[in-house]
């Protein structure tokens, strides 16, 4: 299947022509790449309420609890797609999005390959090594002396715990202002 052959997502996300779609992909295989759920919830609520987006939160079946926690904390009408999409459907969701916010994961690369602008959160890994590649993306990282450490687990993950939603919102605003 080519990148131009993505699945129809109309059964997953309600069509609302007047409201653009944003995708949050909070999961990661390394615990050190995880941004706090409360931060994702805050970002999702801001995108929904303040920026007028439909917000879909994606993830694998293993991310169901994480995504449910984020959706529950947000107090906003976020769409929980964790464990509900095939790879082709995830590609369809990302292709329809005006913005994707991800950790350093495969979903970040897929969104970038599909031409969807990405705000990528980096902590233990190096964006100059692992992307997102191409123009129009924003990387948010603190640049602490310990980062990148390339550790899968960290007892005190300051690199993402001290990355505040307002910092990510600013990166999203930059992408959105460049596309308006």
N, C-alpha and C. Protein backbone atom coordinates (compact mmCIF):
# COMPACT_ATOMS: atom_id res chain seq x y z
N UNK A 1 0.84 -1.18 0.00
CA UNK A 1 0.00 0.00 0.00
C UNK A 1 0.88 1.23 0.00
N UNK A 2 0.63 2.17 -0.89
CA UNK A 2 1.39 3.41 -0.97
C UNK A 2 0.82 4.46 -0.04
N UNK A 3 1.58 5.53 0.17
CA UNK A 3 1.11 6.60 1.04
C UNK A 3 -0.11 7.32 0.48
N UNK A 4 -0.36 7.19 -0.81
CA UNK A 4 -1.55 7.81 -1.37
C UNK A 4 -2.77 6.90 -1.29
N UNK A 5 -2.61 5.72 -0.73
CA UNK A 5 -3.70 4.75 -0.61
C UNK A 5 -4.04 4.52 0.86
N UNK A 6 -4.49 5.55 1.53
CA UNK A 6 -4.85 5.42 2.95
C UNK A 6 -6.32 5.07 3.07
N UNK A 7 -6.69 4.51 4.20
CA UNK A 7 -8.05 4.04 4.42
C UNK A 7 -9.03 5.19 4.65
N UNK A 8 -10.28 4.91 4.35
CA UNK A 8 -11.38 5.84 4.64
C UNK A 8 -11.58 5.87 6.15
N UNK A 9 -11.63 7.07 6.71
CA UNK A 9 -11.75 7.19 8.17
C UNK A 9 -13.11 7.74 8.60
N UNK A 10 -14.05 7.84 7.69
CA UNK A 10 -15.33 8.47 8.01
C UNK A 10 -16.09 7.73 9.11
N UNK A 11 -15.83 6.45 9.30
CA UNK A 11 -16.51 5.72 10.37
C UNK A 11 -15.82 5.92 11.72
N UNK A 12 -14.60 6.44 11.71
CA UNK A 12 -13.85 6.64 12.95
C UNK A 12 -14.02 8.04 13.53
N UNK A 13 -14.07 9.03 12.64
CA UNK A 13 -14.10 10.43 13.08
C UNK A 13 -15.26 11.13 12.40
N UNK A 14 -16.13 11.76 13.17
CA UNK A 14 -17.25 12.49 12.56
C UNK A 14 -16.74 13.60 11.63
N UNK A 15 -17.39 13.73 10.50
CA UNK A 15 -17.01 14.77 9.54
C UNK A 15 -17.63 16.08 9.99
N UNK A 16 -16.80 17.07 10.17
CA UNK A 16 -17.24 18.42 10.51
C UNK A 16 -16.36 19.36 9.68
N UNK A 17 -16.86 19.73 8.52
CA UNK A 17 -16.07 20.51 7.57
C UNK A 17 -15.54 21.81 8.15
N UNK A 18 -16.27 22.40 9.08
CA UNK A 18 -15.86 23.68 9.65
C UNK A 18 -14.83 23.55 10.77
N UNK A 19 -14.55 22.33 11.22
CA UNK A 19 -13.58 22.14 12.30
C UNK A 19 -12.44 21.26 11.82
N UNK A 20 -11.23 21.80 11.79
CA UNK A 20 -10.08 20.99 11.36
C UNK A 20 -9.77 19.90 12.39
N UNK A 21 -8.98 18.93 11.95
CA UNK A 21 -8.61 17.80 12.79
C UNK A 21 -7.17 17.94 13.28
N UNK A 22 -6.96 17.68 14.56
CA UNK A 22 -5.62 17.57 15.14
C UNK A 22 -5.51 16.16 15.73
N UNK A 23 -4.33 15.58 15.63
CA UNK A 23 -4.09 14.24 16.16
C UNK A 23 -3.02 14.31 17.24
N UNK A 24 -3.30 13.70 18.36
CA UNK A 24 -2.33 13.53 19.44
C UNK A 24 -1.96 12.06 19.47
N UNK A 25 -0.67 11.77 19.50
CA UNK A 25 -0.20 10.38 19.61
C UNK A 25 0.75 10.32 20.81
N UNK A 26 0.22 10.02 22.00
CA UNK A 26 1.00 10.13 23.24
C UNK A 26 1.87 8.93 23.60
N UNK A 27 1.63 7.79 23.00
CA UNK A 27 2.33 6.58 23.41
C UNK A 27 3.75 6.48 22.86
N UNK A 28 4.51 5.61 23.47
CA UNK A 28 5.88 5.31 23.04
C UNK A 28 6.29 4.00 23.69
N UNK A 29 7.20 3.31 23.06
CA UNK A 29 7.67 2.04 23.62
C UNK A 29 8.62 2.25 24.80
N UNK A 30 9.33 3.36 24.80
CA UNK A 30 10.22 3.67 25.93
C UNK A 30 9.44 4.50 26.94
N UNK A 31 9.49 4.12 28.20
CA UNK A 31 8.82 4.93 29.23
C UNK A 31 9.46 6.32 29.33
N UNK A 32 10.71 6.43 28.98
CA UNK A 32 11.40 7.73 29.07
C UNK A 32 10.92 8.72 28.00
N UNK A 33 10.18 8.25 27.00
CA UNK A 33 9.66 9.14 25.96
C UNK A 33 8.25 9.64 26.26
N UNK A 34 7.68 9.21 27.37
CA UNK A 34 6.30 9.57 27.67
C UNK A 34 6.18 10.94 28.32
N UNK A 35 5.34 11.77 27.77
CA UNK A 35 5.00 13.07 28.33
C UNK A 35 3.85 12.84 29.31
N UNK A 36 3.77 13.54 30.43
CA UNK A 36 2.71 13.28 31.41
C UNK A 36 1.30 13.38 30.82
N UNK A 37 0.43 12.49 31.26
CA UNK A 37 -0.96 12.47 30.80
C UNK A 37 -1.66 13.81 31.00
N UNK A 38 -1.41 14.45 32.13
CA UNK A 38 -2.05 15.74 32.41
C UNK A 38 -1.63 16.79 31.38
N UNK A 39 -0.41 16.70 30.90
CA UNK A 39 0.06 17.64 29.88
C UNK A 39 -0.64 17.39 28.55
N UNK A 40 -0.78 16.11 28.17
CA UNK A 40 -1.52 15.78 26.95
C UNK A 40 -2.97 16.25 27.07
N UNK A 41 -3.58 16.02 28.23
CA UNK A 41 -4.97 16.42 28.45
C UNK A 41 -5.12 17.93 28.31
N UNK A 42 -4.20 18.68 28.87
CA UNK A 42 -4.23 20.14 28.77
C UNK A 42 -4.09 20.58 27.32
N UNK A 43 -3.17 19.96 26.60
CA UNK A 43 -2.98 20.29 25.19
C UNK A 43 -4.23 19.96 24.38
N UNK A 44 -4.81 18.80 24.60
CA UNK A 44 -6.02 18.41 23.88
C UNK A 44 -7.17 19.36 24.15
N UNK A 45 -7.35 19.76 25.41
CA UNK A 45 -8.41 20.69 25.77
C UNK A 45 -8.18 22.04 25.09
N UNK A 46 -6.95 22.51 25.06
CA UNK A 46 -6.62 23.78 24.41
C UNK A 46 -6.93 23.71 22.91
N UNK A 47 -6.50 22.64 22.26
CA UNK A 47 -6.76 22.50 20.82
C UNK A 47 -8.26 22.47 20.53
N UNK A 48 -9.01 21.77 21.37
CA UNK A 48 -10.45 21.65 21.17
C UNK A 48 -11.19 22.94 21.49
N UNK A 49 -10.98 23.45 22.67
CA UNK A 49 -11.76 24.61 23.14
C UNK A 49 -11.26 25.94 22.59
N UNK A 50 -9.96 26.15 22.66
CA UNK A 50 -9.42 27.46 22.28
C UNK A 50 -9.12 27.59 20.79
N UNK A 51 -8.77 26.48 20.15
CA UNK A 51 -8.42 26.54 18.73
C UNK A 51 -9.48 25.94 17.81
N UNK A 52 -10.53 25.33 18.38
CA UNK A 52 -11.65 24.85 17.59
C UNK A 52 -11.41 23.58 16.80
N UNK A 53 -10.45 22.77 17.21
CA UNK A 53 -10.15 21.53 16.51
C UNK A 53 -11.01 20.38 17.00
N UNK A 54 -11.27 19.43 16.11
CA UNK A 54 -11.66 18.08 16.51
C UNK A 54 -10.34 17.43 16.87
N UNK A 55 -10.25 16.77 17.98
CA UNK A 55 -8.98 16.19 18.43
C UNK A 55 -9.14 14.69 18.58
N UNK A 56 -8.33 13.95 17.80
CA UNK A 56 -8.30 12.50 17.90
C UNK A 56 -7.02 12.10 18.63
N UNK A 57 -7.15 11.19 19.56
CA UNK A 57 -5.99 10.69 20.30
C UNK A 57 -5.79 9.24 19.86
N UNK A 58 -4.65 8.98 19.24
CA UNK A 58 -4.37 7.67 18.66
C UNK A 58 -3.38 6.89 19.51
N UNK A 59 -3.34 5.60 19.26
CA UNK A 59 -2.39 4.74 19.95
C UNK A 59 -2.72 3.29 19.67
N UNK A 60 -1.85 2.43 20.12
CA UNK A 60 -2.03 0.99 19.96
C UNK A 60 -3.01 0.48 21.01
N UNK A 61 -3.34 -0.80 20.91
CA UNK A 61 -4.20 -1.42 21.92
C UNK A 61 -3.56 -1.30 23.31
N UNK A 62 -2.24 -1.35 23.36
CA UNK A 62 -1.53 -1.22 24.63
C UNK A 62 -1.59 0.18 25.22
N UNK A 63 -2.03 1.15 24.43
CA UNK A 63 -2.14 2.54 24.89
C UNK A 63 -3.55 2.90 25.35
N UNK A 64 -4.45 1.93 25.36
CA UNK A 64 -5.86 2.24 25.68
C UNK A 64 -6.02 2.92 27.03
N UNK A 65 -5.35 2.41 28.05
CA UNK A 65 -5.47 3.01 29.39
C UNK A 65 -4.90 4.42 29.41
N UNK A 66 -3.74 4.61 28.79
CA UNK A 66 -3.11 5.93 28.71
C UNK A 66 -4.04 6.92 28.02
N UNK A 67 -4.57 6.54 26.88
CA UNK A 67 -5.43 7.44 26.11
C UNK A 67 -6.74 7.71 26.85
N UNK A 68 -7.31 6.71 27.47
CA UNK A 68 -8.54 6.92 28.26
C UNK A 68 -8.28 7.91 29.39
N UNK A 69 -7.13 7.81 30.02
CA UNK A 69 -6.76 8.74 31.09
C UNK A 69 -6.66 10.17 30.54
N UNK A 70 -6.03 10.33 29.40
CA UNK A 70 -5.87 11.66 28.79
C UNK A 70 -7.24 12.24 28.42
N UNK A 71 -8.06 11.44 27.77
CA UNK A 71 -9.39 11.89 27.36
C UNK A 71 -10.21 12.27 28.60
N UNK A 72 -10.16 11.45 29.64
CA UNK A 72 -10.90 11.73 30.86
C UNK A 72 -10.45 12.99 31.56
N UNK A 73 -9.16 13.21 31.61
CA UNK A 73 -8.63 14.41 32.28
C UNK A 73 -8.90 15.68 31.51
N UNK A 74 -9.04 15.58 30.20
CA UNK A 74 -9.14 16.79 29.36
C UNK A 74 -10.42 17.57 29.59
N UNK A 75 -11.52 16.87 29.89
CA UNK A 75 -12.79 17.56 30.02
C UNK A 75 -13.29 18.11 28.69
N UNK A 76 -12.69 17.68 27.60
CA UNK A 76 -13.06 18.14 26.26
C UNK A 76 -13.50 16.92 25.45
N UNK A 77 -14.19 17.15 24.34
CA UNK A 77 -14.68 16.02 23.54
C UNK A 77 -13.61 15.41 22.63
N UNK A 78 -12.57 14.85 23.23
CA UNK A 78 -11.51 14.21 22.46
C UNK A 78 -12.00 12.85 21.97
N UNK A 79 -11.54 12.44 20.79
CA UNK A 79 -11.94 11.18 20.18
C UNK A 79 -10.87 10.13 20.49
N UNK A 80 -11.25 9.11 21.22
CA UNK A 80 -10.32 8.06 21.63
C UNK A 80 -10.24 6.99 20.55
N UNK A 81 -9.09 6.93 19.84
CA UNK A 81 -8.90 5.93 18.80
C UNK A 81 -7.86 4.87 19.19
N UNK A 82 -7.47 4.84 20.43
CA UNK A 82 -6.45 3.87 20.86
C UNK A 82 -6.92 2.45 20.62
N UNK A 83 -6.12 1.70 19.86
CA UNK A 83 -6.43 0.31 19.56
C UNK A 83 -7.56 0.13 18.57
N UNK A 84 -8.03 1.21 17.96
CA UNK A 84 -9.18 1.13 17.05
C UNK A 84 -8.82 1.33 15.59
N UNK A 85 -7.53 1.51 15.28
CA UNK A 85 -7.15 1.74 13.89
C UNK A 85 -6.12 0.73 13.41
N UNK A 86 -6.26 0.36 12.16
CA UNK A 86 -5.20 -0.40 11.49
C UNK A 86 -4.14 0.62 11.09
N UNK A 87 -3.02 0.16 10.56
CA UNK A 87 -1.99 1.08 10.09
C UNK A 87 -2.54 1.95 8.97
N UNK A 88 -3.31 1.37 8.06
CA UNK A 88 -3.90 2.14 6.96
C UNK A 88 -4.88 3.19 7.49
N UNK A 89 -5.65 2.83 8.50
CA UNK A 89 -6.58 3.80 9.09
C UNK A 89 -5.84 4.90 9.84
N UNK A 90 -4.77 4.54 10.55
CA UNK A 90 -3.96 5.57 11.20
C UNK A 90 -3.41 6.53 10.16
N UNK A 91 -2.94 6.00 9.04
CA UNK A 91 -2.45 6.86 7.96
C UNK A 91 -3.56 7.77 7.46
N UNK A 92 -4.77 7.24 7.34
CA UNK A 92 -5.90 8.06 6.91
C UNK A 92 -6.20 9.18 7.88
N UNK A 93 -6.16 8.87 9.17
CA UNK A 93 -6.40 9.88 10.20
C UNK A 93 -5.31 10.95 10.13
N UNK A 94 -4.06 10.53 10.06
CA UNK A 94 -2.94 11.49 10.01
C UNK A 94 -2.98 12.34 8.75
N UNK A 95 -3.36 11.75 7.63
CA UNK A 95 -3.44 12.50 6.37
C UNK A 95 -4.50 13.59 6.45
N UNK A 96 -5.60 13.33 7.15
CA UNK A 96 -6.68 14.33 7.27
C UNK A 96 -6.35 15.44 8.26
N UNK A 97 -5.36 15.20 9.10
CA UNK A 97 -5.06 16.17 10.17
C UNK A 97 -4.35 17.41 9.64
N UNK A 98 -4.69 18.51 10.26
CA UNK A 98 -3.98 19.76 9.97
C UNK A 98 -2.72 19.87 10.82
N UNK A 99 -2.66 19.04 11.88
CA UNK A 99 -1.55 19.07 12.82
C UNK A 99 -1.51 17.74 13.55
N UNK A 100 -0.30 17.22 13.78
CA UNK A 100 -0.11 16.04 14.63
C UNK A 100 0.90 16.40 15.71
N UNK A 101 0.62 15.99 16.93
CA UNK A 101 1.55 16.17 18.03
C UNK A 101 1.90 14.78 18.52
N UNK A 102 3.18 14.46 18.53
CA UNK A 102 3.62 13.10 18.84
C UNK A 102 4.87 13.10 19.69
N UNK A 103 5.11 11.94 20.27
CA UNK A 103 6.42 11.67 20.85
C UNK A 103 7.30 11.17 19.70
N UNK A 104 8.52 10.79 19.99
CA UNK A 104 9.44 10.24 18.98
C UNK A 104 9.03 8.80 18.70
N UNK A 105 8.11 8.63 17.74
CA UNK A 105 7.55 7.31 17.44
C UNK A 105 7.36 7.14 15.94
N UNK A 106 6.94 5.97 15.57
CA UNK A 106 6.63 5.70 14.17
C UNK A 106 5.51 6.58 13.65
N UNK A 107 4.54 6.91 14.49
CA UNK A 107 3.44 7.79 14.06
C UNK A 107 3.98 9.16 13.65
N UNK A 108 5.03 9.63 14.31
CA UNK A 108 5.65 10.90 13.94
C UNK A 108 6.19 10.81 12.52
N UNK A 109 6.89 9.72 12.21
CA UNK A 109 7.46 9.55 10.87
C UNK A 109 6.37 9.38 9.82
N UNK A 110 5.32 8.66 10.17
CA UNK A 110 4.22 8.46 9.23
C UNK A 110 3.54 9.79 8.92
N UNK A 111 3.25 10.58 9.93
CA UNK A 111 2.63 11.90 9.70
C UNK A 111 3.52 12.76 8.81
N UNK A 112 4.81 12.80 9.11
CA UNK A 112 5.75 13.61 8.31
C UNK A 112 5.77 13.12 6.87
N UNK A 113 5.78 11.81 6.67
CA UNK A 113 5.81 11.25 5.31
C UNK A 113 4.53 11.58 4.54
N UNK A 114 3.43 11.71 5.26
CA UNK A 114 2.15 12.04 4.62
C UNK A 114 1.98 13.53 4.37
N UNK A 115 2.94 14.34 4.85
CA UNK A 115 2.88 15.78 4.65
C UNK A 115 2.12 16.52 5.73
N UNK A 116 1.79 15.85 6.82
CA UNK A 116 1.10 16.49 7.93
C UNK A 116 2.14 17.14 8.84
N UNK A 117 2.00 18.43 9.14
CA UNK A 117 2.96 19.07 10.03
C UNK A 117 2.92 18.46 11.43
N UNK A 118 4.10 18.26 11.99
CA UNK A 118 4.24 17.57 13.27
C UNK A 118 4.90 18.49 14.29
N UNK A 119 4.32 18.51 15.48
CA UNK A 119 5.01 19.05 16.65
C UNK A 119 5.49 17.81 17.40
N UNK A 120 6.80 17.63 17.45
CA UNK A 120 7.39 16.41 18.02
C UNK A 120 8.05 16.71 19.35
N UNK A 121 7.71 15.90 20.35
CA UNK A 121 8.26 16.06 21.70
C UNK A 121 9.46 15.13 21.86
N UNK A 122 10.60 15.71 22.17
CA UNK A 122 11.82 14.94 22.34
C UNK A 122 12.40 15.15 23.72
N UNK A 123 12.87 14.07 24.30
CA UNK A 123 13.54 14.10 25.59
C UNK A 123 14.81 13.28 25.54
N UNK A 124 14.68 11.94 25.63
CA UNK A 124 15.87 11.09 25.72
C UNK A 124 16.52 10.80 24.36
N UNK A 125 15.88 11.18 23.27
CA UNK A 125 16.45 10.91 21.95
C UNK A 125 16.79 12.23 21.24
N UNK A 126 17.48 12.10 20.13
CA UNK A 126 18.00 13.27 19.43
C UNK A 126 17.23 13.54 18.14
N UNK A 127 16.57 14.69 18.04
CA UNK A 127 15.80 14.98 16.83
C UNK A 127 16.66 15.08 15.58
N UNK A 128 17.91 15.43 15.72
CA UNK A 128 18.80 15.50 14.56
C UNK A 128 19.14 14.12 14.01
N UNK A 129 18.85 13.09 14.81
CA UNK A 129 19.07 11.71 14.36
C UNK A 129 17.79 11.02 13.91
N UNK A 130 16.69 11.33 14.57
CA UNK A 130 15.47 10.56 14.30
C UNK A 130 14.28 11.40 13.85
N UNK A 131 14.50 12.61 13.41
CA UNK A 131 13.42 13.38 12.78
C UNK A 131 12.55 14.15 13.75
N UNK A 132 11.45 14.67 13.28
CA UNK A 132 10.76 14.43 12.03
C UNK A 132 11.50 15.08 10.86
N UNK A 133 11.53 14.40 9.75
CA UNK A 133 12.27 14.89 8.61
C UNK A 133 11.36 15.63 7.65
N UNK A 134 11.90 16.64 7.02
CA UNK A 134 11.15 17.45 6.07
C UNK A 134 10.82 18.81 6.65
N UNK A 135 10.30 19.69 5.81
CA UNK A 135 9.99 21.06 6.25
C UNK A 135 8.66 21.15 6.99
N UNK A 136 8.50 22.22 7.75
CA UNK A 136 7.22 22.54 8.37
C UNK A 136 6.93 21.91 9.71
N UNK A 137 7.91 21.21 10.29
CA UNK A 137 7.70 20.57 11.58
C UNK A 137 8.36 21.39 12.69
N UNK A 138 7.92 21.17 13.90
CA UNK A 138 8.49 21.81 15.07
C UNK A 138 8.91 20.74 16.08
N UNK A 139 10.11 20.86 16.59
CA UNK A 139 10.60 19.98 17.64
C UNK A 139 10.59 20.77 18.94
N UNK A 140 10.06 20.15 19.98
CA UNK A 140 10.06 20.78 21.30
C UNK A 140 10.90 19.91 22.22
N UNK A 141 11.95 20.51 22.75
CA UNK A 141 12.81 19.81 23.70
C UNK A 141 13.45 20.84 24.61
N UNK A 142 13.85 20.42 25.78
CA UNK A 142 14.43 21.34 26.75
C UNK A 142 15.93 21.54 26.57
N UNK A 143 16.62 20.61 25.99
CA UNK A 143 18.06 20.76 25.82
C UNK A 143 18.82 20.69 27.13
N UNK A 144 18.38 19.86 28.03
CA UNK A 144 19.08 19.69 29.31
C UNK A 144 20.44 19.01 29.07
N UNK A 145 21.38 19.21 29.97
CA UNK A 145 22.69 18.58 29.80
C UNK A 145 22.64 17.05 29.70
N UNK A 146 21.63 16.44 30.30
CA UNK A 146 21.50 14.98 30.28
C UNK A 146 20.78 14.47 29.03
N UNK A 147 20.33 15.37 28.18
CA UNK A 147 19.55 14.97 27.01
C UNK A 147 20.28 15.33 25.72
N UNK A 148 20.38 14.43 24.77
CA UNK A 148 19.79 13.10 24.76
C UNK A 148 20.66 12.09 25.51
N UNK A 149 20.00 11.21 26.21
CA UNK A 149 20.71 10.16 26.98
C UNK A 149 20.53 8.78 26.35
N UNK A 150 19.49 8.64 25.51
CA UNK A 150 19.14 7.38 24.85
C UNK A 150 18.83 6.25 25.82
N UNK A 151 18.35 6.61 27.01
CA UNK A 151 17.94 5.60 28.00
C UNK A 151 16.45 5.30 27.84
N UNK A 152 16.12 4.02 27.86
CA UNK A 152 14.72 3.61 27.74
C UNK A 152 13.94 3.88 29.02
N UNK A 153 14.61 3.92 30.13
CA UNK A 153 13.99 4.18 31.43
C UNK A 153 14.83 5.23 32.15
N UNK A 154 14.16 6.11 32.88
CA UNK A 154 14.87 7.15 33.61
C UNK A 154 14.18 7.35 34.95
N UNK A 155 14.93 7.35 36.04
CA UNK A 155 14.31 7.52 37.36
C UNK A 155 13.77 8.94 37.58
N UNK A 156 14.32 9.92 36.87
CA UNK A 156 13.88 11.32 37.02
C UNK A 156 13.83 11.99 35.65
N UNK A 157 12.79 11.70 34.85
CA UNK A 157 12.74 12.18 33.46
C UNK A 157 12.38 13.67 33.33
N UNK A 158 13.27 14.51 33.77
CA UNK A 158 13.05 15.95 33.70
C UNK A 158 12.82 16.44 32.28
N UNK A 159 13.46 15.79 31.32
CA UNK A 159 13.41 16.27 29.94
C UNK A 159 11.99 16.35 29.38
N UNK A 160 11.08 15.52 29.86
CA UNK A 160 9.69 15.62 29.44
C UNK A 160 8.77 16.10 30.56
N UNK A 161 9.07 15.77 31.80
CA UNK A 161 8.22 16.22 32.91
C UNK A 161 8.25 17.74 33.07
N UNK A 162 9.34 18.37 32.68
CA UNK A 162 9.45 19.83 32.79
C UNK A 162 9.15 20.54 31.47
N UNK A 163 8.67 19.80 30.51
CA UNK A 163 8.23 20.36 29.24
C UNK A 163 6.75 20.71 29.42
N UNK A 164 6.44 21.98 29.51
CA UNK A 164 5.10 22.40 29.87
C UNK A 164 4.19 22.54 28.65
N UNK A 165 2.89 22.32 28.85
CA UNK A 165 1.95 22.41 27.73
C UNK A 165 2.06 23.73 26.96
N UNK A 166 2.33 24.81 27.65
CA UNK A 166 2.45 26.11 26.97
C UNK A 166 3.58 26.12 25.95
N UNK A 167 4.65 25.37 26.22
CA UNK A 167 5.76 25.28 25.27
C UNK A 167 5.33 24.54 24.00
N UNK A 168 4.55 23.51 24.19
CA UNK A 168 4.06 22.72 23.06
C UNK A 168 3.00 23.52 22.31
N UNK A 169 2.16 24.24 23.03
CA UNK A 169 1.17 25.10 22.38
C UNK A 169 1.85 26.13 21.49
N UNK A 170 2.93 26.72 21.96
CA UNK A 170 3.65 27.72 21.17
C UNK A 170 4.17 27.11 19.86
N UNK A 171 4.68 25.89 19.92
CA UNK A 171 5.16 25.22 18.71
C UNK A 171 4.00 24.92 17.77
N UNK A 172 2.87 24.51 18.32
CA UNK A 172 1.67 24.27 17.50
C UNK A 172 1.21 25.56 16.84
N UNK A 173 1.19 26.64 17.61
CA UNK A 173 0.79 27.95 17.07
C UNK A 173 1.69 28.36 15.91
N UNK A 174 2.97 28.09 16.03
CA UNK A 174 3.91 28.43 14.95
C UNK A 174 3.53 27.68 13.68
N UNK A 175 3.29 26.39 13.79
CA UNK A 175 2.88 25.60 12.62
C UNK A 175 1.58 26.13 12.04
N UNK A 176 0.59 26.36 12.90
CA UNK A 176 -0.72 26.79 12.44
C UNK A 176 -0.66 28.17 11.79
N UNK A 177 0.13 29.08 12.33
CA UNK A 177 0.23 30.42 11.74
C UNK A 177 0.92 30.39 10.38
N UNK A 178 1.84 29.44 10.19
CA UNK A 178 2.52 29.32 8.91
C UNK A 178 1.62 28.72 7.85
N UNK A 179 0.57 28.04 8.26
CA UNK A 179 -0.33 27.36 7.31
C UNK A 179 -1.63 28.13 7.08
N UNK A 180 -1.83 29.23 7.77
CA UNK A 180 -3.07 29.99 7.60
C UNK A 180 -2.95 30.99 6.48
